[in-house]
């Protein structure tokens, strides 16, 4: 099975430089990724707070929505090597 690559791996090992193919710097890409993480986290919290009232039992679709957003957050964090300190 192949190892998932991060943006840092692509730059270091493959010679990929975002500035050469587009007008966006690595810092800008990382900042945009942090914005997406915060947006997805806010949407996830909204789903949780709006739908999880006792004695309410969440529907499977709501659990799926939350898990999809959390998976996207994990993928973005991994690909862009974003730490918890950078999210603050």
C-alpha atoms as a PDB file:
ATOM      1  CA  UNK A   1       0.000   0.000   0.000  1.00  0.00           C
ATOM      2  CA  UNK A   2       1.353   3.430  -0.868  1.00  0.00           C
ATOM      3  CA  UNK A   3       1.925   6.116   1.721  1.00  0.00           C
ATOM      4  CA  UNK A   4      -0.232   9.231   1.457  1.00  0.00           C
ATOM      5  CA  UNK A   5       1.835  12.230   0.480  1.00  0.00           C
ATOM      6  CA  UNK A   6       1.622  15.632   2.075  1.00  0.00           C
ATOM      7  CA  UNK A   7       2.303  18.952   0.390  1.00  0.00           C
ATOM      8  CA  UNK A   8       5.696  19.042   2.120  1.00  0.00           C
ATOM      9  CA  UNK A   9       6.545  15.584   0.697  1.00  0.00           C
ATOM     10  CA  UNK A  10       5.647  16.728  -2.799  1.00  0.00           C
ATOM     11  CA  UNK A  11       7.855  19.795  -2.486  1.00  0.00           C
ATOM     12  CA  UNK A  12      10.818  17.962  -0.946  1.00  0.00           C
ATOM     13  CA  UNK A  13      10.797  14.692  -2.911  1.00  0.00           C
ATOM     14  CA  UNK A  14       9.031  15.420  -6.167  1.00  0.00           C
ATOM     15  CA  UNK A  15      10.315  18.953  -6.731  1.00  0.00           C
ATOM     16  CA  UNK A  16       6.805  20.401  -6.866  1.00  0.00           C
ATOM     17  CA  UNK A  17       6.769  24.152  -6.349  1.00  0.00           C
ATOM     18  CA  UNK A  18       3.287  25.743  -6.243  1.00  0.00           C
ATOM     19  CA  UNK A  19       4.643  29.140  -7.308  1.00  0.00           C
ATOM     20  CA  UNK A  20       5.867  27.693 -10.635  1.00  0.00           C
ATOM     21  CA  UNK A  21       2.481  26.395 -11.771  1.00  0.00           C
ATOM     22  CA  UNK A  22       0.235  29.050 -10.286  1.00  0.00           C
ATOM     23  CA  UNK A  23       0.393  32.437  -8.647  1.00  0.00           C
ATOM     24  CA  UNK A  24      -0.317  31.118  -5.140  1.00  0.00           C
ATOM     25  CA  UNK A  25       2.389  30.749  -2.521  1.00  0.00           C
ATOM     26  CA  UNK A  26       2.649  27.862  -0.080  1.00  0.00           C
ATOM     27  CA  UNK A  27       1.805  30.228   2.777  1.00  0.00           C
ATOM     28  CA  UNK A  28      -1.364  31.355   1.006  1.00  0.00           C
ATOM     29  CA  UNK A  29      -2.385  27.747   0.398  1.00  0.00           C
ATOM     30  CA  UNK A  30      -1.888  26.900   4.053  1.00  0.00           C
ATOM     31  CA  UNK A  31      -3.877  29.948   5.193  1.00  0.00           C
ATOM     32  CA  UNK A  32      -6.737  28.997   2.883  1.00  0.00           C
ATOM     33  CA  UNK A  33      -6.659  25.431   4.239  1.00  0.00           C
ATOM     34  CA  UNK A  34      -6.908  26.780   7.800  1.00  0.00           C
ATOM     35  CA  UNK A  35      -9.959  28.841   6.750  1.00  0.00           C
ATOM     36  CA  UNK A  36     -11.598  25.693   5.337  1.00  0.00           C
ATOM     37  CA  UNK A  37     -10.878  23.738   8.507  1.00  0.00           C
ATOM     38  CA  UNK A  38     -12.468  26.442  10.650  1.00  0.00           C
ATOM     39  CA  UNK A  39     -15.496  26.634   8.340  1.00  0.00           C
ATOM     40  CA  UNK A  40     -16.012  22.855   8.404  1.00  0.00           C
ATOM     41  CA  UNK A  41     -15.571  22.770  12.192  1.00  0.00           C
ATOM     42  CA  UNK A  42     -18.191  25.507  12.623  1.00  0.00           C
ATOM     43  CA  UNK A  43     -20.635  23.653  10.351  1.00  0.00           C
ATOM     44  CA  UNK A  44     -20.068  20.453  12.332  1.00  0.00           C
ATOM     45  CA  UNK A  45     -20.722  22.231  15.631  1.00  0.00           C
ATOM     46  CA  UNK A  46     -23.874  23.786  14.182  1.00  0.00           C
ATOM     47  CA  UNK A  47     -25.228  20.371  13.153  1.00  0.00           C
ATOM     48  CA  UNK A  48     -24.459  19.011  16.612  1.00  0.00           C
ATOM     49  CA  UNK A  49     -26.032  21.882  18.555  1.00  0.00           C
ATOM     50  CA  UNK A  50     -29.117  22.209  16.342  1.00  0.00           C
ATOM     51  CA  UNK A  51     -29.988  18.533  16.241  1.00  0.00           C
ATOM     52  CA  UNK A  52     -28.750  16.886  19.422  1.00  0.00           C
ATOM     53  CA  UNK A  53     -31.345  17.774  22.014  1.00  0.00           C
ATOM     54  CA  UNK A  54     -32.394  15.277  24.645  1.00  0.00           C
ATOM     55  CA  UNK A  55     -34.377  13.039  24.247  1.00  0.00           C
ATOM     56  CA  UNK A  56     -33.697  13.517  20.535  1.00  0.00           C
ATOM     57  CA  UNK A  57     -32.017  10.608  18.756  1.00  0.00           C
ATOM     58  CA  UNK A  58     -29.868  11.861  15.838  1.00  0.00           C
ATOM     59  CA  UNK A  59     -30.745  10.499  12.438  1.00  0.00           C
ATOM     60  CA  UNK A  60     -28.173   8.455  10.514  1.00  0.00           C
ATOM     61  CA  UNK A  61     -27.917  11.234   7.908  1.00  0.00           C
ATOM     62  CA  UNK A  62     -26.837  13.678  10.607  1.00  0.00           C
ATOM     63  CA  UNK A  63     -24.125  11.340  11.851  1.00  0.00           C
ATOM     64  CA  UNK A  64     -22.953  10.870   8.260  1.00  0.00           C
ATOM     65  CA  UNK A  65     -22.772  14.643   7.718  1.00  0.00           C
ATOM     66  CA  UNK A  66     -20.669  15.060  10.837  1.00  0.00           C
ATOM     67  CA  UNK A  67     -18.327  12.195   9.958  1.00  0.00           C
ATOM     68  CA  UNK A  68     -17.858  13.509   6.417  1.00  0.00           C
ATOM     69  CA  UNK A  69     -16.870  16.929   7.700  1.00  0.00           C
ATOM     70  CA  UNK A  70     -14.513  15.470  10.310  1.00  0.00           C
ATOM     71  CA  UNK A  71     -12.867  13.301   7.633  1.00  0.00           C
ATOM     72  CA  UNK A  72     -12.331  16.351   5.418  1.00  0.00           C
ATOM     73  CA  UNK A  73     -10.785  18.228   8.341  1.00  0.00           C
ATOM     74  CA  UNK A  74      -8.394  15.332   9.047  1.00  0.00           C
ATOM     75  CA  UNK A  75      -7.384  15.100   5.395  1.00  0.00           C
ATOM     76  CA  UNK A  76      -6.713  18.843   5.095  1.00  0.00           C
ATOM     77  CA  UNK A  77      -4.688  18.835   8.335  1.00  0.00           C
ATOM     78  CA  UNK A  78      -2.612  15.901   7.128  1.00  0.00           C
ATOM     79  CA  UNK A  79      -1.995  17.175   3.591  1.00  0.00           C
ATOM     80  CA  UNK A  80      -0.980  20.677   4.636  1.00  0.00           C
ATOM     81  CA  UNK A  81       0.815  19.581   7.846  1.00  0.00           C
ATOM     82  CA  UNK A  82      -1.350  21.871   9.957  1.00  0.00           C
ATOM     83  CA  UNK A  83      -0.861  21.697  13.698  1.00  0.00           C
ATOM     84  CA  UNK A  84      -3.312  22.616  16.442  1.00  0.00           C
ATOM     85  CA  UNK A  85      -1.231  25.722  17.245  1.00  0.00           C
ATOM     86  CA  UNK A  86      -1.719  26.986  13.693  1.00  0.00           C
ATOM     87  CA  UNK A  87      -5.491  26.603  14.013  1.00  0.00           C
ATOM     88  CA  UNK A  88      -5.664  29.040  16.938  1.00  0.00           C
END
